[in-house]
Amino acid sequence: MNKNELIEQLAERMGTTRVESRKHLDAFLDIITETMREKDNIVLQGFGTICVWQQTERSGRNPKTGAPCMIPSRLSVKFRPGKYLLEALNSRQ
């Protein structure tokens, strides 16, 4: 599912227009991005936790030339699914 398909599903379920659903989704994504920039984790009870973590600097290789290089440290994201999401994914229907 891509962003446009998600917007369409939101509009359908909420009984709103696609324009309104896009505004809601964009606002939600902006809030998540701002929160993660502040290095705060996001906990959606039952769904999961989005954690910000610092990757350390490490050595690597240029795939084109094979020359060694250093990959700088950076922030990255991990997602840990919650109990209810795992149960929904693994329930037998």
Protein backbone atom coordinates (compact mmCIF):
# COMPACT_ATOMS: atom_id res chain seq x y z
CA MET A 1 0.00 0.00 0.00
CA ASN A 2 1.37 3.41 -0.89
CA LYS A 3 0.44 6.82 0.55
CA ASN A 4 -2.30 7.54 -1.99
CA GLU A 5 -3.94 4.17 -1.36
CA LEU A 6 -3.80 4.81 2.39
CA ILE A 7 -5.41 8.23 1.92
CA GLU A 8 -8.17 6.66 -0.15
CA GLN A 9 -8.82 3.99 2.53
CA LEU A 10 -8.89 6.65 5.27
CA ALA A 11 -11.36 8.77 3.32
CA GLU A 12 -13.58 5.76 2.73
CA ARG A 13 -13.60 4.60 6.37
CA MET A 14 -13.96 8.05 7.89
CA GLY A 15 -16.55 9.28 5.41
CA THR A 16 -14.45 12.30 4.42
CA THR A 17 -12.91 13.59 1.23
CA ARG A 18 -9.48 12.56 0.05
CA VAL A 19 -8.28 16.14 0.56
CA GLU A 20 -9.28 16.06 4.25
CA SER A 21 -7.76 12.60 4.71
CA ARG A 22 -4.50 13.78 3.12
CA LYS A 23 -4.39 16.73 5.56
CA HIS A 24 -4.95 14.38 8.52
CA LEU A 25 -2.28 11.93 7.37
CA ASP A 26 0.23 14.71 6.60
CA ALA A 27 -0.35 16.22 10.06
CA PHE A 28 0.13 12.79 11.67
CA LEU A 29 3.37 12.20 9.77
CA ASP A 30 4.63 15.71 10.65
CA ILE A 31 3.99 15.08 14.35
CA ILE A 32 5.81 11.75 14.21
CA THR A 33 8.76 13.29 12.36
CA GLU A 34 9.05 16.23 14.78
CA THR A 35 8.87 13.89 17.78
CA MET A 36 11.55 11.63 16.36
CA ARG A 37 13.80 14.62 15.58
CA GLU A 38 13.76 15.32 19.31
CA LYS A 39 14.94 11.69 19.78
CA ASP A 40 11.72 10.73 21.57
CA ASN A 41 10.18 7.30 21.06
CA ILE A 42 6.59 6.97 19.92
CA VAL A 43 4.44 4.39 21.71
CA LEU A 44 1.10 3.46 20.14
CA GLN A 45 -0.37 1.16 22.78
CA GLY A 46 -1.13 -2.27 21.34
CA PHE A 47 0.16 -1.34 17.87
CA GLY A 48 3.86 -0.85 18.49
CA THR A 49 6.76 1.38 19.39
CA ILE A 50 8.86 3.47 17.02
CA CYS A 51 12.35 3.92 18.50
CA VAL A 52 15.04 6.35 17.39
CA TRP A 53 18.60 5.00 17.73
CA GLN A 54 22.07 6.23 16.89
CA GLN A 55 24.04 4.13 14.43
CA THR A 56 27.76 4.31 15.11
CA GLU A 57 30.39 5.23 12.56
CA ARG A 58 31.68 2.12 10.83
CA SER A 59 33.96 1.10 8.02
CA GLY A 60 32.57 0.01 4.69
CA ARG A 61 33.51 -0.37 1.05
CA ASN A 62 32.53 1.53 -2.06
CA PRO A 63 30.59 -1.12 -4.04
CA LYS A 64 31.73 0.36 -7.36
CA THR A 65 35.46 0.64 -6.72
CA GLY A 66 35.95 -1.60 -3.69
CA ALA A 67 37.82 1.21 -1.93
CA PRO A 68 37.43 1.29 1.85
CA CYS A 69 35.56 4.24 3.34
CA MET A 70 34.02 5.33 6.64
CA ILE A 71 30.24 5.43 6.93
CA PRO A 72 29.36 8.31 9.27
CA SER A 73 27.12 7.85 12.31
CA ARG A 74 23.46 8.75 11.87
CA LEU A 75 20.06 8.46 13.45
CA SER A 76 17.90 5.56 12.37
CA VAL A 77 14.54 4.05 13.33
CA LYS A 78 13.39 0.67 14.64
CA PHE A 79 9.82 -0.56 14.95
CA ARG A 80 8.76 -3.05 17.62
CA PRO A 81 5.27 -4.43 17.07
CA GLY A 82 2.82 -4.43 19.97
CA LYS A 83 0.96 -7.37 21.43
CA TYR A 84 -2.37 -6.75 19.69
CA LEU A 85 -0.76 -6.17 16.28
CA LEU A 86 1.13 -9.47 16.57
CA GLU A 87 -2.03 -11.27 17.67
CA ALA A 88 -3.97 -9.85 14.71
CA LEU A 89 -1.22 -10.83 12.28
CA ASN A 90 -0.91 -14.35 13.64
CA SER A 91 -4.57 -15.21 14.27
CA ARG A 92 -5.87 -18.07 12.18
CA GLN A 93 -8.99 -17.25 10.25
